[in-house]
């Protein structure tokens, strides 16, 4: 609502039995005053038609007729998540007025100024408002202006407000060009033909919930025509992945509720509210990657070339060969000098690299047998067998067997 101090005319001190305390705000069609019921001693919210609209007399009278009709319909509604209509009256100074329950709490719009709500609170709000709208629709009442400004956050839960000013389908005022409601949240069929019903309320409800989830409008724009064009031709942007809830399920709910074809939306606002609440309460099966060096994803691993992975294993394999070679030669070192042992280890190391190197296409040449301390044998064969052993003990036994088989 706009700033009441700068945009509303001078406020009268008393309307019927209600003493005006101060303005609360105003919207496109009406303004709201905080007042005190002098009979029951409670605070109430008075809603009036704005006197600065400049409506022709016949349209103003028709609007009053619609308000009376809607007030009688709203009086039949009883729901813990609807703002209750207490009374209706008429005064020469202000015309027709409606008296509503006063909710001491912020609107959803005010709450979103502090950031998006916790998913658990959002789930509760979706269920409460969806059930309230479905109850109103079952009674034949169409809200026609569901938006964050008309959702009040009370201590007992969310409250849907503003059922009071001309919210019946097929209004003559709408057909002559006065669109009642806020275009930024209106359904495409309402903007195109002036048709309102449970399905159009659902579209507005979905846009309100989308803003509560993301913090941005479902169909942003700088002017009414731009917004109307977006609503008619574009889909809502998908909700970004998060670890807080299942974004894919949430996007599926919003895509259906924002369908351009009213028949493809949910069967009721209650069903929409329950579907979104369930999606908000569901944790994603695979959380999104975390930015930074600590982030590891399956896709990032699969992008590493196989040759790179083989090269990364060479150093570890070669080191294991050296260690096993030292163990084997140490066990035979009684009759072999240190120089011979180092030569054998060096030769084994080179052979291991040649065997495992990915860039080499031809098989490495077999090392030439040599005489060491009068014994003809191939120590590298035992060492190269070590990487295929299941343990250090198996590698040592493999080296012993290779040495025993040598003449």
Protein backbone atom coordinates (compact mmCIF):
# COMPACT_ATOMS: atom_id res chain seq x y z
CA UNK A 1 0.00 0.00 0.00
CA UNK A 2 1.03 3.61 -0.50
CA UNK A 3 2.11 5.96 2.22
CA UNK A 4 -1.17 7.08 3.88
CA UNK A 5 0.34 10.30 5.18
CA UNK A 6 1.07 11.71 1.72
CA UNK A 7 -1.55 10.20 -0.61
CA UNK A 8 -4.82 10.05 1.32
CA UNK A 9 -7.22 12.93 1.86
CA UNK A 10 -7.98 14.26 5.33
CA UNK A 11 -9.45 11.49 7.46
CA UNK A 12 -12.68 11.98 9.34
CA UNK A 13 -12.59 11.40 13.09
CA UNK A 14 -15.61 9.14 13.32
CA UNK A 15 -17.43 6.78 10.93
CA UNK A 16 -20.63 5.36 12.38
CA UNK A 17 -19.82 3.92 15.79
CA UNK A 18 -16.11 3.67 14.96
CA UNK A 19 -13.54 6.20 16.12
CA UNK A 20 -10.72 6.58 13.62
CA UNK A 21 -7.27 6.15 15.17
CA UNK A 22 -5.04 6.67 12.13
CA UNK A 23 -4.67 5.57 8.47
CA UNK A 24 -3.10 2.18 7.82
CA UNK A 25 -2.60 2.49 4.08
CA UNK A 26 -4.29 2.45 0.70
CA UNK A 27 -4.35 0.44 -2.49
CA UNK A 28 -5.66 0.77 -6.02
CA UNK A 29 -9.33 0.95 -5.10
CA UNK A 30 -9.64 1.55 -1.39
CA UNK A 31 -7.96 2.77 1.76
CA UNK A 32 -7.77 1.26 5.21
CA UNK A 33 -8.15 2.99 8.54
CA UNK A 34 -7.44 1.71 12.04
CA UNK A 35 -10.49 2.41 14.19
CA UNK A 36 -11.92 1.55 17.60
CA UNK A 37 -15.33 -0.04 17.97
CA UNK A 38 -16.97 2.12 20.65
CA UNK A 39 -19.52 -0.59 21.44
CA UNK A 40 -17.31 -3.67 21.74
CA UNK A 41 -14.09 -1.82 22.61
CA UNK A 42 -11.91 -3.61 20.04
CA UNK A 43 -9.69 -2.37 17.26
CA UNK A 44 -10.92 -2.93 13.71
CA UNK A 45 -9.84 -2.15 10.17
CA UNK A 46 -12.20 0.05 8.15
CA UNK A 47 -12.02 -0.25 4.38
CA UNK A 48 -13.43 2.48 2.19
CA UNK A 49 -13.59 3.20 -1.51
CA UNK A 50 -11.06 5.88 -2.34
CA UNK A 51 -12.80 9.19 -2.96
CA UNK A 52 -10.02 10.41 -5.23
CA UNK A 53 -10.61 7.82 -7.97
CA UNK A 54 -12.86 10.16 -9.95
CA UNK A 55 -15.35 7.41 -10.79
CA UNK A 56 -18.52 8.52 -12.58
CA UNK A 57 -21.60 8.39 -10.28
CA UNK A 58 -23.08 5.33 -11.99
CA UNK A 59 -19.85 3.35 -11.65
CA UNK A 60 -19.46 4.36 -8.03
CA UNK A 61 -23.01 3.18 -7.27
CA UNK A 62 -22.35 -0.09 -9.07
CA UNK A 63 -19.17 -0.56 -7.04
CA UNK A 64 -21.15 -0.07 -3.85
CA UNK A 65 -23.68 -2.67 -5.02
CA UNK A 66 -20.89 -5.14 -5.65
CA UNK A 67 -19.42 -4.40 -2.23
CA UNK A 68 -22.74 -5.17 -0.56
CA UNK A 69 -23.08 -8.41 -2.46
CA UNK A 70 -19.52 -9.43 -1.67
CA UNK A 71 -19.83 -8.46 1.98
CA UNK A 72 -22.82 -10.77 2.35
CA UNK A 73 -20.88 -13.56 0.70
CA UNK A 74 -17.79 -12.94 2.85
CA UNK A 75 -19.94 -12.96 5.96
CA UNK A 76 -20.75 -16.61 5.25
CA UNK A 77 -17.06 -17.53 5.29
CA UNK A 78 -15.38 -18.75 8.41
CA UNK A 79 -11.76 -19.81 8.25
CA UNK A 80 -8.84 -19.30 10.64
CA UNK A 81 -6.67 -18.04 7.78
CA UNK A 82 -9.09 -15.40 6.50
CA UNK A 83 -9.49 -11.94 7.90
CA UNK A 84 -13.03 -11.90 9.30
CA UNK A 85 -15.63 -9.41 8.12
CA UNK A 86 -17.38 -7.91 11.18
CA UNK A 87 -19.75 -5.28 9.81
CA UNK A 88 -20.83 -3.10 6.90
CA UNK A 89 -22.19 0.41 6.99
CA UNK A 90 -22.75 3.57 4.98
CA UNK A 91 -22.08 7.21 5.82
CA UNK A 92 -22.75 10.28 3.66
CA UNK A 93 -19.15 11.51 4.15
CA UNK A 94 -17.43 8.32 2.97
CA UNK A 95 -20.08 6.18 1.32
CA UNK A 96 -20.08 2.43 1.90
CA UNK A 97 -17.50 0.97 4.30
CA UNK A 98 -16.59 -2.50 5.49
CA UNK A 99 -15.36 -3.41 8.97
CA UNK A 100 -12.74 -6.14 9.21
CA UNK A 101 -10.82 -7.90 11.92
CA UNK A 102 -7.63 -5.97 12.69
CA UNK A 103 -4.43 -8.03 12.43
CA UNK A 104 -1.45 -6.69 14.34
CA UNK A 105 1.26 -8.03 12.08
CA UNK A 106 3.19 -7.27 8.89
CA UNK A 107 2.04 -8.06 5.41
CA UNK A 108 3.92 -10.67 3.41
CA UNK A 109 5.34 -7.80 1.38
CA UNK A 110 6.78 -6.23 4.54
CA UNK A 111 8.15 -9.58 5.67
CA UNK A 112 9.94 -10.16 2.36
CA UNK A 113 11.87 -6.92 2.82
CA UNK A 114 13.87 -8.87 5.41
CA UNK A 115 14.64 -11.70 2.95
CA UNK A 116 12.97 -14.94 1.94
CA UNK A 117 11.29 -17.03 4.59
CA UNK A 118 12.42 -20.36 5.99
CA UNK A 119 11.12 -23.26 3.84
CA UNK A 120 9.20 -24.68 6.80
CA UNK A 121 7.39 -21.37 7.33
CA UNK A 122 6.73 -21.15 3.60
CA UNK A 123 5.26 -24.64 3.57
CA UNK A 124 2.93 -23.75 6.41
CA UNK A 125 1.90 -20.50 4.69
CA UNK A 126 1.18 -22.34 1.39
CA UNK A 127 -1.09 -24.85 3.11
CA UNK A 128 -2.93 -22.23 5.14
CA UNK A 129 -3.62 -19.84 2.27
CA UNK A 130 -4.42 -22.64 -0.17
CA UNK A 131 -7.04 -24.00 2.20
CA UNK A 132 -8.48 -20.52 2.79
CA UNK A 133 -8.84 -19.80 -0.92
CA UNK A 134 -10.38 -23.20 -1.61
CA UNK A 135 -12.93 -22.56 1.15
CA UNK A 136 -13.82 -19.18 -0.36
CA UNK A 137 -14.17 -20.66 -3.85
CA UNK A 138 -16.46 -23.38 -2.55
CA UNK A 139 -18.71 -20.60 -1.22
CA UNK A 140 -18.67 -18.79 -4.56
CA UNK A 141 -16.33 -15.99 -3.48
CA UNK A 142 -13.49 -15.03 -5.82
CA UNK A 143 -10.71 -12.97 -4.29
CA UNK A 144 -9.38 -11.43 -7.55
CA UNK A 145 -6.40 -9.69 -5.94
CA UNK A 146 -4.17 -12.28 -4.25
CA UNK A 147 -0.76 -10.66 -3.73
CA UNK A 148 1.82 -10.24 -0.94
CA UNK A 149 0.18 -6.99 0.23
CA UNK A 150 -3.05 -8.90 0.96
CA UNK A 151 -1.42 -11.60 3.06
CA UNK A 152 -1.02 -10.71 6.72
CA UNK A 153 1.40 -12.54 9.00
CA UNK A 154 -0.27 -12.93 12.38
CA UNK A 155 0.95 -14.69 15.50
CA UNK A 156 -1.49 -17.53 14.74
CA UNK A 157 -0.51 -17.91 11.09
CA UNK A 158 -1.12 -16.34 7.71
CA UNK A 159 -4.33 -14.41 7.06
CA UNK A 160 -5.74 -13.67 3.63
CA UNK A 161 -7.18 -10.15 3.58
CA UNK A 162 -9.19 -7.91 1.27
CA UNK A 163 -12.15 -9.99 0.19
CA UNK A 164 -14.21 -6.84 0.53
CA UNK A 165 -14.04 -4.60 -2.54
CA UNK A 166 -15.78 -5.90 -5.71
CA UNK A 167 -14.37 -9.40 -5.91
CA UNK A 168 -17.21 -11.11 -7.82
CA UNK A 169 -16.82 -12.64 -11.29
CA UNK A 170 -18.06 -10.86 -14.42
CA UNK A 171 -18.00 -7.38 -12.94
CA UNK A 172 -19.43 -4.69 -15.24
CA UNK A 173 -16.63 -2.42 -14.08
CA UNK A 174 -14.08 -4.85 -15.44
CA UNK A 175 -15.81 -5.04 -18.82
CA UNK A 176 -15.77 -1.27 -19.26
CA UNK A 177 -12.02 -1.14 -18.65
CA UNK A 178 -11.57 -0.75 -14.90
CA UNK A 179 -9.50 -3.80 -13.98
CA UNK A 180 -9.92 -4.57 -10.30
CA UNK A 181 -6.77 -6.18 -8.98
CA UNK A 182 -3.03 -5.89 -9.49
CA UNK A 183 -1.83 -6.66 -13.06
CA UNK A 184 1.53 -7.97 -11.84
CA UNK A 185 -0.22 -10.98 -10.25
CA UNK A 186 -3.19 -11.34 -12.60
CA UNK A 187 -3.79 -14.44 -14.70
CA UNK A 188 -3.41 -14.13 -18.49
CA UNK A 189 -7.10 -14.82 -19.10
CA UNK A 190 -8.06 -12.08 -16.64
CA UNK A 191 -5.88 -9.51 -18.42
CA UNK A 192 -7.13 -10.59 -21.85
CA UNK A 193 -10.86 -10.99 -21.27
CA UNK A 194 -11.63 -9.78 -17.75
CA UNK A 195 -12.58 -13.32 -16.67
CA UNK A 196 -12.06 -14.20 -13.01
CA UNK A 197 -12.58 -17.48 -11.22
CA UNK A 198 -10.88 -20.02 -8.97
CA UNK A 199 -8.28 -20.70 -11.68
CA UNK A 200 -7.28 -17.03 -11.95
CA UNK A 201 -7.04 -16.80 -8.16
CA UNK A 202 -4.75 -19.84 -8.29
CA UNK A 203 -2.47 -18.14 -10.83
CA UNK A 204 -2.21 -15.08 -8.56
CA UNK A 205 -1.67 -17.33 -5.55
CA UNK A 206 1.16 -19.13 -7.36
CA UNK A 207 2.80 -15.80 -8.24
CA UNK A 208 2.56 -14.72 -4.61
CA UNK A 209 4.15 -17.97 -3.42
CA UNK A 210 6.85 -17.73 -6.08
CA UNK A 211 7.83 -14.32 -4.73
CA UNK A 212 7.82 -15.69 -1.19
CA UNK A 213 10.20 -18.49 -2.25
CA UNK A 214 12.58 -16.47 -4.44
CA UNK A 215 12.25 -12.88 -3.22
CA UNK A 216 11.54 -11.63 -6.77
CA UNK A 217 8.33 -11.20 -8.73
CA UNK A 218 7.27 -14.03 -10.98
CA UNK A 219 6.68 -11.58 -13.86
CA UNK A 220 8.81 -8.48 -13.35
CA UNK A 221 8.47 -5.36 -15.45
CA UNK A 222 8.70 -1.60 -15.36
CA UNK A 223 5.15 -0.88 -16.52
CA UNK A 224 1.76 -2.54 -16.81
CA UNK A 225 2.02 -3.31 -20.52
CA UNK A 226 5.45 -4.90 -20.10
CA UNK A 227 4.22 -7.06 -17.23
CA UNK A 228 1.06 -8.07 -19.11
CA UNK A 229 3.16 -9.12 -22.11
CA UNK A 230 5.38 -11.28 -19.89
CA UNK A 231 2.38 -12.94 -18.26
CA UNK A 232 0.84 -13.70 -21.65
CA UNK A 233 3.95 -15.04 -23.40
CA UNK A 234 6.65 -16.09 -20.93
CA UNK A 235 7.14 -18.75 -18.26
CA UNK A 236 8.45 -18.03 -14.80
CA UNK A 237 12.18 -18.37 -14.32
CA UNK A 238 13.14 -21.64 -12.59
CA UNK A 239 14.05 -21.56 -8.92
CA UNK A 240 17.79 -21.99 -8.43
CA UNK A 241 19.03 -25.31 -6.97
CA UNK A 242 19.50 -25.25 -3.22
CA UNK A 243 20.22 -27.61 -0.36
CA UNK A 244 17.19 -26.28 1.55
CA UNK A 245 14.49 -28.01 -0.57
CA UNK A 246 13.91 -29.93 -3.79
CA UNK A 247 14.08 -27.15 -6.38
CA UNK A 248 13.08 -29.48 -9.23
CA UNK A 249 9.83 -30.38 -7.47
CA UNK A 250 9.18 -26.73 -6.63
CA UNK A 251 9.70 -25.73 -10.27
CA UNK A 252 7.29 -28.43 -11.41
CA UNK A 253 4.60 -27.03 -9.07
CA UNK A 254 5.08 -23.45 -10.27
CA UNK A 255 5.13 -24.50 -13.93
CA UNK A 256 1.75 -26.20 -13.56
CA UNK A 257 0.12 -23.45 -11.48
CA UNK A 258 1.32 -20.80 -13.96
CA UNK A 259 0.04 -22.62 -17.02
CA UNK A 260 -1.42 -20.28 -19.63
CA UNK A 261 -4.30 -22.74 -19.98
CA UNK A 262 -6.48 -22.55 -16.83
CA UNK A 263 -7.57 -26.17 -17.32
CA UNK A 264 -3.98 -27.40 -16.91
CA UNK A 265 -3.54 -25.87 -13.45
CA UNK A 266 -4.21 -27.67 -10.18
CA UNK A 267 -7.74 -28.75 -9.36
CA UNK A 268 -7.85 -26.28 -6.47
CA UNK A 269 -5.74 -23.80 -4.54
CA UNK A 270 -5.71 -26.31 -1.68
CA UNK A 271 -4.05 -28.86 -3.98
CA UNK A 272 -1.52 -26.26 -5.12
CA UNK A 273 -0.68 -25.30 -1.54
CA UNK A 274 -0.20 -28.92 -0.51
CA UNK A 275 1.97 -29.72 -3.55
CA UNK A 276 4.25 -26.76 -2.94
CA UNK A 277 4.48 -27.46 0.79
CA UNK A 278 5.51 -31.06 0.10
CA UNK A 279 8.18 -29.91 -2.36
CA UNK A 280 9.53 -27.36 0.13
CA UNK A 281 9.74 -30.03 2.83
CA UNK A 282 11.60 -32.45 0.57
CA UNK A 283 15.38 -32.34 0.62
CA UNK A 284 17.17 -32.69 -2.73
CA UNK A 285 18.55 -36.16 -3.47
CA UNK A 286 21.83 -34.71 -4.78
CA UNK A 287 22.79 -31.35 -3.26
CA UNK A 288 24.33 -28.79 -5.62
CA UNK A 289 28.13 -28.52 -5.76
CA UNK A 290 29.89 -26.15 -3.39
CA UNK A 291 32.09 -23.53 -4.99
CA UNK A 292 35.76 -23.67 -4.09
CA UNK A 293 38.67 -26.09 -4.15
CA UNK A 294 36.92 -28.47 -1.77
CA UNK A 295 34.14 -29.10 -4.30
CA UNK A 296 34.21 -32.54 -5.90
CA UNK A 297 31.48 -33.77 -8.19
CA UNK A 298 31.02 -36.94 -10.19
CA UNK A 299 31.05 -34.96 -13.41
CA UNK A 300 34.36 -33.30 -12.59
CA UNK A 301 35.97 -36.69 -12.01
CA UNK A 302 34.69 -38.08 -15.30
CA UNK A 303 36.23 -35.15 -17.17
CA UNK A 304 39.80 -36.16 -16.18
CA UNK A 305 41.48 -37.89 -19.19
CA UNK A 306 42.28 -41.56 -18.68
CA UNK A 307 45.88 -40.99 -19.74
CA UNK A 308 46.22 -38.40 -16.98
CA UNK A 309 44.87 -40.83 -14.41
CA UNK A 310 47.37 -43.49 -15.60
CA UNK A 311 50.21 -40.99 -15.39
CA UNK A 312 49.21 -40.07 -11.86
CA UNK A 313 49.56 -43.72 -10.84
CA UNK A 314 53.09 -44.12 -12.23
CA UNK A 315 54.85 -42.41 -9.34
CA UNK A 316 52.97 -44.45 -6.74
CA UNK A 317 53.58 -47.71 -8.63
CA UNK A 318 57.26 -46.96 -9.16
CA UNK A 319 57.74 -46.10 -5.51
CA UNK A 320 56.17 -49.41 -4.51
CA UNK A 321 58.54 -51.23 -6.89
CA UNK A 322 61.56 -49.52 -5.36
CA UNK A 323 60.51 -50.45 -1.84
CA UNK A 324 59.80 -54.05 -2.79
CA UNK A 325 63.08 -54.18 -4.70
CA UNK A 326 65.02 -53.06 -1.69
CA UNK A 327 63.30 -55.69 0.42
CA UNK A 328 64.08 -58.44 -2.06
CA UNK A 329 67.68 -57.43 -2.59
CA UNK A 330 68.17 -56.95 1.12
CA UNK A 331 67.21 -60.57 1.70
CA UNK A 332 69.86 -61.65 -0.85
CA UNK A 333 72.41 -58.99 -0.06
CA UNK A 334 74.68 -61.31 1.88
CA UNK A 335 76.56 -62.28 -1.25
CA UNK A 336 75.85 -59.09 -3.31
CA UNK A 337 77.50 -55.70 -2.93
CA UNK A 338 75.68 -52.40 -2.44
CA UNK A 339 76.63 -51.25 -5.92
CA UNK A 340 74.94 -54.22 -7.52
CA UNK A 341 71.80 -53.73 -5.42
CA UNK A 342 71.50 -50.06 -6.42
CA UNK A 343 71.95 -50.98 -10.06
CA UNK A 344 69.20 -53.57 -9.83
CA UNK A 345 66.82 -51.10 -8.16
CA UNK A 346 67.60 -48.43 -10.74
CA UNK A 347 67.04 -50.88 -13.56
CA UNK A 348 63.73 -52.05 -12.05
CA UNK A 349 62.57 -48.45 -11.62
CA UNK A 350 63.30 -47.68 -15.28
CA UNK A 351 61.55 -50.85 -16.42
CA UNK A 352 58.49 -50.01 -14.34
CA UNK A 353 58.16 -46.57 -15.86
CA UNK A 354 58.61 -48.01 -19.35
CA UNK A 355 55.94 -50.63 -18.66
CA UNK A 356 53.32 -48.21 -17.25
CA UNK A 357 53.97 -45.06 -19.29
CA UNK A 358 50.83 -44.25 -21.38
CA UNK A 359 52.75 -42.51 -24.19
CA UNK A 360 54.77 -45.60 -25.15
CA UNK A 361 53.16 -47.73 -27.83
CA UNK A 362 55.69 -50.57 -28.31
CA UNK A 363 56.31 -53.07 -25.53
CA UNK A 364 59.61 -52.44 -23.71
CA UNK A 365 62.57 -54.65 -24.58
CA UNK A 366 63.30 -57.44 -22.13
CA UNK A 367 66.32 -56.65 -19.95
CA UNK A 368 69.49 -58.51 -20.87
CA UNK A 369 70.50 -61.19 -18.34
CA UNK A 370 73.73 -60.52 -16.60
CA UNK A 371 76.20 -62.30 -14.30
CA UNK A 372 76.26 -61.05 -10.76
CA UNK A 373 78.72 -62.71 -8.33
CA UNK A 374 78.90 -65.71 -10.63
CA UNK A 375 75.08 -66.20 -10.76
CA UNK A 376 73.14 -65.71 -13.99
CA UNK A 377 69.59 -64.41 -13.19
CA UNK A 378 67.02 -61.72 -14.02
CA UNK A 379 66.22 -59.80 -10.84
CA UNK A 380 63.93 -57.38 -12.66
CA UNK A 381 61.43 -60.11 -13.47
CA UNK A 382 60.84 -60.68 -9.77
CA UNK A 383 60.51 -56.99 -9.08
CA UNK A 384 58.07 -56.36 -11.93
CA UNK A 385 55.90 -59.19 -10.66
CA UNK A 386 55.49 -57.38 -7.35
CA UNK A 387 52.76 -54.89 -8.42
CA UNK A 388 50.50 -57.82 -9.28
CA UNK A 389 50.89 -59.43 -5.83
CA UNK A 390 48.17 -59.03 -3.27
CA UNK A 391 50.48 -58.06 -0.40
CA UNK A 392 54.09 -57.41 0.53
CA UNK A 393 54.47 -61.02 1.64
CA UNK A 394 53.19 -62.30 -1.71
CA UNK A 395 55.60 -59.98 -3.51
CA UNK A 396 58.53 -61.30 -1.46
CA UNK A 397 57.55 -64.91 -2.15
CA UNK A 398 57.27 -64.09 -5.86
CA UNK A 399 60.81 -62.71 -5.79
CA UNK A 400 62.12 -65.83 -4.01
CA UNK A 401 60.46 -68.15 -6.52
CA UNK A 402 61.91 -66.17 -9.43
CA UNK A 403 65.40 -66.41 -7.92
CA UNK A 404 65.08 -70.15 -7.18
CA UNK A 405 64.04 -70.84 -10.77
CA UNK A 406 67.14 -69.17 -12.12
CA UNK A 407 69.96 -71.72 -12.93
